[in-house]
Amino acid sequence: MSLAFVFPGQGSQQVGMGRALSDAFVESREVFAEADAALGFALSRLCFEGPEAELQLTANTQPAILAASVAALRPLAARGVRPDWVAGHSLGEYSALVAASSLSLADALRTVRRRGQYMQQAVPAGTGAMAAVLGLELAKVEAACQEAAQGEVVSPANVNSPGQVVIAGHAAAVERASALCKAKGARRAVLLPVSAPFHCSLMQPAQDRLAPELAALRFGDPAPPLVNNVDAEPVRDGPACRAGLVRQVSGMVRWQESVERLVREGVTTFVEVGPGSVLSGLVRKSAKGARVLRVDAPDSLEATVAAIRAGAEG
């Protein structure tokens, strides 16, 4: 049995995330205490109690999801469950690198908070948008974006699974591209409630600001190795981990390809570690026949540990 831990990105946040884990496991409580200390404010209270409007701000959302994901990871590791590979969707790559001991939790938390700030500041509010296109192949989505651009930016931002592509760019261009996708046969094209158009060229200013900060951090070689989401390729050294985090700010998230690469590397069991279950659904669409488990609360943690142990014994 080859095992991959996969970590969610933005979009998994909800008030109360991580609280049950923190109540149940000392390892999880220690993660939130470390997060509060690293950031200089009570991120734990924001995760557990809200207010929701403040949690939804991307500068808060990003460290909150990271902390909640590592809070799910640590008690899993304490029970002897170790992955053969790690991967993360967008922001989730930071959680994956913490899991692989490439990046410290404190450095990751401080960096993703600034990442969120830089992303929000890169595009004035209301200027950008993102939309999920369902039921249309990538080549047709790309063609629709090229036709709809009209001098503005719109492009695929996340290739999540067969038939699910998220596009991002200027709001008017995203609307035009969405209409064209539906005309080309898309089942739906749904605007997403996001605060900025992530993973497109409009994020280049944020990428340029983040790059020197990432350059100043220490990155160890990931153990286990990472499949990064901007290339969907295995990464085994620290500098390559850093480079991937830089390029993913404006680069497309190749999640479907990342999952398919993990399958080619022999992964048969995926564990989504962190809040929500979005990645579990996406993995099932791209890795037919793989076993998909999750850890986001005490009961799911215990069920996942039992399932992995039973699989190992079998």
Protein backbone atom coordinates (compact mmCIF):
# COMPACT_ATOMS: atom_id res chain seq x y z
CA MET A 1 0.00 0.00 0.00
CA SER A 2 1.42 3.37 -1.06
CA LEU A 3 -0.07 6.31 0.79
CA ALA A 4 -0.37 10.01 -0.11
CA PHE A 5 -1.49 12.83 2.18
CA VAL A 6 -3.24 15.63 0.27
CA PHE A 7 -3.99 19.02 1.79
CA PRO A 8 -6.84 21.42 0.95
CA GLY A 9 -6.52 25.00 -0.18
CA GLN A 10 -8.71 28.05 0.18
CA GLY A 11 -12.41 27.32 -0.01
CA SER A 12 -12.40 24.82 2.86
CA GLN A 13 -12.72 27.40 5.61
CA GLN A 14 -15.61 27.45 8.07
CA VAL A 15 -16.05 28.77 11.59
CA GLY A 16 -15.31 26.00 14.08
CA MET A 17 -12.69 24.25 11.97
CA GLY A 18 -10.09 22.50 14.05
CA ARG A 19 -11.93 22.99 17.32
CA ALA A 20 -12.94 19.36 17.86
CA LEU A 21 -9.38 18.25 17.10
CA SER A 22 -7.98 20.80 19.52
CA ASP A 23 -10.39 19.67 22.23
CA ALA A 24 -9.49 16.00 21.68
CA PHE A 25 -5.75 15.93 21.01
CA VAL A 26 -2.83 17.65 22.70
CA GLU A 27 -0.91 17.60 19.41
CA SER A 28 -3.64 19.71 17.79
CA ARG A 29 -3.78 22.14 20.71
CA GLU A 30 -0.04 22.64 20.40
CA VAL A 31 -0.41 23.52 16.71
CA PHE A 32 -2.92 26.28 17.44
CA ALA A 33 -0.79 27.59 20.31
CA GLU A 34 2.19 27.73 17.95
CA ALA A 35 0.09 29.51 15.34
CA ASP A 36 -1.09 32.14 17.82
CA ALA A 37 2.49 32.76 18.90
CA ALA A 38 3.89 32.89 15.36
CA LEU A 39 1.28 35.37 14.13
CA GLY A 40 0.96 37.50 17.25
CA PHE A 41 -2.83 37.23 17.45
CA ALA A 42 -5.41 34.61 18.42
CA LEU A 43 -5.83 32.75 15.14
CA SER A 44 -7.23 29.85 17.17
CA ARG A 45 -10.13 31.98 18.40
CA LEU A 46 -10.84 33.16 14.85
CA CYS A 47 -10.91 29.55 13.62
CA PHE A 48 -13.09 28.31 16.47
CA GLU A 49 -15.46 31.26 16.97
CA GLY A 50 -15.21 33.63 14.00
CA PRO A 51 -16.58 36.12 13.17
CA GLU A 52 -17.13 34.55 9.78
CA ALA A 53 -16.61 37.79 7.85
CA GLU A 54 -13.14 38.14 9.36
CA LEU A 55 -12.28 34.50 8.73
CA GLN A 56 -13.23 34.93 5.05
CA LEU A 57 -10.57 37.60 4.52
CA THR A 58 -7.86 35.79 2.56
CA ALA A 59 -5.06 37.08 4.82
CA ASN A 60 -6.81 35.24 7.67
CA THR A 61 -8.22 32.33 5.67
CA GLN A 62 -4.83 31.16 4.45
CA PRO A 63 -3.11 30.75 7.84
CA ALA A 64 -6.36 29.41 9.32
CA ILE A 65 -6.59 26.56 6.80
CA LEU A 66 -2.88 25.84 7.20
CA ALA A 67 -3.19 25.65 11.00
CA ALA A 68 -6.31 23.49 10.84
CA SER A 69 -4.63 21.14 8.36
CA VAL A 70 -1.50 20.70 10.49
CA ALA A 71 -3.75 20.25 13.54
CA ALA A 72 -5.25 17.26 11.70
CA LEU A 73 -1.82 16.03 10.62
CA ARG A 74 -0.03 15.95 13.97
CA PRO A 75 -2.26 13.44 15.83
CA LEU A 76 -2.24 11.27 12.71
CA ALA A 77 1.57 11.25 12.75
CA ALA A 78 1.54 10.59 16.51
CA ARG A 79 -0.36 7.37 15.76
CA GLY A 80 2.38 6.21 13.43
CA VAL A 81 0.68 6.97 10.12
CA ARG A 82 3.27 8.31 7.67
CA PRO A 83 2.76 9.04 3.96
CA ASP A 84 4.92 7.98 1.03
CA TRP A 85 4.02 11.18 -0.85
CA VAL A 86 2.49 14.58 -0.09
CA ALA A 87 0.65 17.11 -2.26
CA GLY A 88 -1.50 20.17 -1.70
CA HIS A 89 -4.05 22.14 -3.69
CA SER A 90 -2.74 25.72 -4.08
CA LEU A 91 -2.34 26.97 -0.49
CA GLY A 92 -2.37 23.33 0.63
CA GLU A 93 1.16 22.91 -0.74
CA TYR A 94 2.41 24.84 2.30
CA SER A 95 0.71 22.30 4.57
CA ALA A 96 2.25 19.51 2.50
CA LEU A 97 5.74 20.99 2.92
CA VAL A 98 5.23 21.30 6.68
CA ALA A 99 4.17 17.63 6.69
CA ALA A 100 7.34 16.75 4.76
CA SER A 101 9.54 18.74 7.20
CA SER A 102 10.69 21.00 4.36
CA LEU A 103 9.25 24.18 5.89
CA SER A 104 8.66 25.02 9.54
CA LEU A 105 5.08 25.63 10.68
CA ALA A 106 5.91 29.10 12.01
CA ASP A 107 7.56 30.18 8.74
CA ALA A 108 4.70 28.74 6.72
CA LEU A 109 2.06 30.55 8.80
CA ARG A 110 3.74 33.93 8.56
CA THR A 111 4.34 33.50 4.84
CA VAL A 112 0.80 32.50 3.91
CA ARG A 113 -0.60 35.42 5.87
CA ARG A 114 1.47 37.79 3.76
CA ARG A 115 0.64 35.75 0.66
CA GLY A 116 -3.01 36.44 1.34
CA GLN A 117 -2.37 40.14 1.87
CA TYR A 118 -0.36 40.44 -1.34
CA MET A 119 -2.97 38.55 -3.35
CA GLN A 120 -5.75 40.78 -2.05
CA GLN A 121 -3.76 43.93 -2.78
CA ALA A 122 -2.77 42.83 -6.29
CA VAL A 123 -6.23 43.43 -7.75
CA PRO A 124 -8.70 46.11 -6.56
CA ALA A 125 -11.88 44.69 -5.03
CA GLY A 126 -14.52 43.96 -7.67
CA THR A 127 -12.04 44.03 -10.56
CA GLY A 128 -11.40 40.29 -10.73
CA ALA A 129 -13.50 37.13 -10.57
CA MET A 130 -13.34 33.35 -10.73
CA ALA A 131 -15.85 30.85 -12.08
CA ALA A 132 -16.13 27.07 -12.02
CA VAL A 133 -16.83 25.52 -15.41
CA LEU A 134 -18.43 22.08 -15.17
CA GLY A 135 -18.73 19.46 -17.86
CA LEU A 136 -16.38 20.91 -20.49
CA GLU A 137 -12.94 19.65 -21.49
CA LEU A 138 -9.91 21.81 -20.83
CA ALA A 139 -9.11 22.54 -24.49
CA LYS A 140 -12.56 24.03 -25.04
CA VAL A 141 -12.30 26.08 -21.84
CA GLU A 142 -8.94 27.43 -23.02
CA ALA A 143 -10.44 28.31 -26.41
CA ALA A 144 -13.34 30.12 -24.74
CA CYS A 145 -10.94 32.12 -22.58
CA GLN A 146 -8.84 33.15 -25.59
CA GLU A 147 -11.95 34.24 -27.46
CA ALA A 148 -13.39 36.09 -24.45
CA ALA A 149 -10.25 37.98 -23.38
CA GLN A 150 -10.65 40.99 -25.70
CA GLY A 151 -7.54 42.61 -24.28
CA GLU A 152 -8.30 41.59 -20.69
CA VAL A 153 -7.09 38.60 -18.64
CA VAL A 154 -9.03 35.34 -18.35
CA SER A 155 -7.48 31.87 -18.22
CA PRO A 156 -7.81 28.46 -16.56
CA ALA A 157 -6.71 28.78 -12.92
CA ASN A 158 -7.43 25.33 -11.47
CA VAL A 159 -7.75 22.10 -13.43
CA ASN A 160 -9.38 20.16 -10.62
CA SER A 161 -10.68 16.94 -12.19
CA PRO A 162 -12.09 15.69 -15.49
CA GLY A 163 -14.86 18.12 -16.33
CA GLN A 164 -14.08 20.69 -13.64
CA VAL A 165 -11.97 23.72 -14.56
CA VAL A 166 -11.91 27.03 -12.66
CA ILE A 167 -11.17 30.18 -14.67
CA ALA A 168 -9.90 33.52 -13.33
CA GLY A 169 -9.21 37.03 -14.53
CA HIS A 170 -10.92 40.38 -15.03
CA ALA A 171 -14.57 40.16 -13.98
CA ALA A 172 -16.04 41.12 -17.35
CA ALA A 173 -13.76 38.69 -19.19
CA VAL A 174 -14.69 35.87 -16.81
CA GLU A 175 -18.37 36.58 -17.50
CA ARG A 176 -17.78 36.50 -21.27
CA ALA A 177 -15.77 33.29 -21.01
CA SER A 178 -18.43 31.67 -18.82
CA ALA A 179 -21.11 32.41 -21.42
CA LEU A 180 -18.90 31.03 -24.19
CA CYS A 181 -18.19 27.88 -22.19
CA LYS A 182 -21.91 27.27 -21.83
CA ALA A 183 -22.34 27.85 -25.56
CA LYS A 184 -19.62 25.26 -26.18
CA GLY A 185 -21.46 22.66 -24.10
CA ALA A 186 -20.54 23.26 -20.46
CA ARG A 187 -23.16 21.97 -18.05
CA ARG A 188 -22.72 24.99 -15.78
CA ALA A 189 -20.44 27.98 -15.27
CA VAL A 190 -20.75 29.30 -11.73
CA LEU A 191 -19.19 32.47 -10.34
CA LEU A 192 -17.27 31.73 -7.13
CA PRO A 193 -17.46 33.84 -3.95
CA VAL A 194 -13.75 34.73 -3.84
CA SER A 195 -12.00 37.93 -2.85
CA ALA A 196 -9.46 37.95 -5.70
CA PRO A 197 -8.76 36.20 -9.05
CA PHE A 198 -6.18 33.65 -7.91
CA HIS A 199 -3.77 31.73 -10.16
CA CYS A 200 -3.77 33.99 -13.19
CA SER A 201 -1.42 36.68 -14.52
CA LEU A 202 -3.21 39.36 -12.47
CA MET A 203 -1.45 37.82 -9.47
CA GLN A 204 2.03 38.63 -10.83
CA PRO A 205 2.45 41.63 -8.46
CA ALA A 206 1.73 39.35 -5.50
CA GLN A 207 4.19 36.78 -6.83
CA ASP A 208 6.88 39.44 -7.21
CA ARG A 209 6.38 40.58 -3.59
CA LEU A 210 6.33 37.07 -2.18
CA ALA A 211 9.41 35.77 -4.03
CA PRO A 212 12.09 37.56 -1.94
CA GLU A 213 10.38 36.51 1.28
CA LEU A 214 10.40 32.87 0.21
CA ALA A 215 14.04 33.29 -0.85
CA ALA A 216 14.90 34.28 2.73
CA LEU A 217 13.41 31.12 4.26
CA ARG A 218 15.13 27.80 4.83
CA PHE A 219 13.66 24.93 2.84
CA GLY A 220 14.84 21.41 3.61
CA ASP A 221 14.55 18.49 1.23
CA PRO A 222 11.01 17.11 1.58
CA ALA A 223 10.72 13.68 3.15
CA PRO A 224 8.53 12.18 1.84
CA PRO A 225 8.72 13.78 -1.62
CA LEU A 226 6.15 16.26 -2.90
CA VAL A 227 4.21 16.37 -6.14
CA ASN A 228 3.85 20.11 -6.65
CA ASN A 229 0.71 21.57 -8.14
CA VAL A 230 2.18 24.05 -10.63
CA ASP A 231 4.09 21.34 -12.55
CA ALA A 232 2.42 18.12 -11.32
CA GLU A 233 5.93 16.71 -10.97
CA PRO A 234 7.82 15.06 -8.10
CA VAL A 235 10.01 17.44 -6.09
CA ARG A 236 12.76 16.11 -3.85
CA ASP A 237 14.94 19.11 -2.95
CA GLY A 238 14.33 22.28 -0.94
CA PRO A 239 15.17 24.89 -3.61
CA ALA A 240 12.70 23.26 -6.01
CA CYS A 241 10.02 23.38 -3.30
CA ARG A 242 10.62 27.11 -2.91
CA ALA A 243 10.54 27.73 -6.67
CA GLY A 244 7.22 25.94 -6.99
CA LEU A 245 5.64 28.09 -4.28
CA VAL A 246 6.76 31.22 -6.10
CA ARG A 247 5.43 30.18 -9.50
CA GLN A 248 2.11 28.85 -8.22
CA VAL A 249 0.92 32.34 -7.18
CA SER A 250 0.16 33.28 -10.78
CA GLY A 251 0.41 29.76 -12.24
CA MET A 252 -2.37 27.30 -12.94
CA VAL A 253 -3.06 24.61 -10.32
CA ARG A 254 -2.71 21.27 -12.09
CA TRP A 255 -4.57 19.22 -9.52
CA GLN A 256 -5.97 16.56 -11.84
CA GLU A 257 -2.48 15.96 -13.26
CA SER A 258 -1.00 15.89 -9.75
CA VAL A 259 -3.38 13.14 -8.65
CA GLU A 260 -2.75 11.20 -11.85
CA ARG A 261 1.01 11.52 -11.28
CA LEU A 262 0.65 10.16 -7.75
CA VAL A 263 -1.25 7.17 -9.14
CA ARG A 264 1.56 6.56 -11.64
CA GLU A 265 3.99 6.66 -8.71
CA GLY A 266 2.06 3.77 -7.17
CA VAL A 267 -0.24 5.58 -4.72
CA THR A 268 -3.32 3.49 -3.95
CA THR A 269 -4.62 5.32 -0.86
CA PHE A 270 -5.19 9.06 -0.53
CA VAL A 271 -5.88 10.79 2.80
CA GLU A 272 -7.29 14.33 2.70
CA VAL A 273 -5.80 15.99 5.79
CA GLY A 274 -7.52 19.21 6.84
CA PRO A 275 -10.90 20.93 6.84
CA GLY A 276 -13.59 19.90 4.38
CA SER A 277 -13.89 17.09 1.86
CA VAL A 278 -13.51 18.86 -1.49
CA LEU A 279 -10.27 17.11 -2.42
CA SER A 280 -11.73 13.70 -1.61
CA GLY A 281 -14.34 14.18 -4.30
CA LEU A 282 -11.80 15.47 -6.81
CA VAL A 283 -9.41 12.59 -6.14
CA ARG A 284 -12.16 10.02 -6.71
CA LYS A 285 -12.79 11.51 -10.17
CA SER A 286 -9.13 11.41 -11.20
CA ALA A 287 -7.96 8.24 -9.43
CA LYS A 288 -10.58 5.62 -10.21
CA GLY A 289 -10.35 2.69 -7.83
CA ALA A 290 -8.12 4.42 -5.27
CA ARG A 291 -9.11 4.34 -1.63
CA VAL A 292 -9.89 7.85 -0.36
CA LEU A 293 -9.93 8.67 3.36
CA ARG A 294 -10.00 11.92 5.29
CA VAL A 295 -9.02 13.47 8.62
CA ASP A 296 -10.79 16.62 9.75
CA ALA A 297 -12.21 15.63 13.16
CA PRO A 298 -11.56 13.07 15.91
CA ASP A 299 -13.97 10.48 14.53
CA SER A 300 -12.62 10.66 10.98
CA LEU A 301 -9.08 10.48 12.33
CA GLU A 302 -9.76 7.29 14.28
CA ALA A 303 -11.62 5.75 11.33
CA THR A 304 -8.77 6.58 8.97
CA VAL A 305 -6.11 5.20 11.32
CA ALA A 306 -8.11 1.96 11.68
CA ALA A 307 -8.58 1.65 7.92
CA ILE A 308 -4.89 2.18 7.19
CA ARG A 309 -3.82 -0.29 9.85
CA ALA A 310 -6.28 -2.87 8.54
CA GLY A 311 -4.98 -2.33 5.01
CA ALA A 312 -1.37 -2.71 6.14
CA GLU A 313 -2.19 -5.92 7.96
CA GLY A 314 -4.08 -7.22 4.97
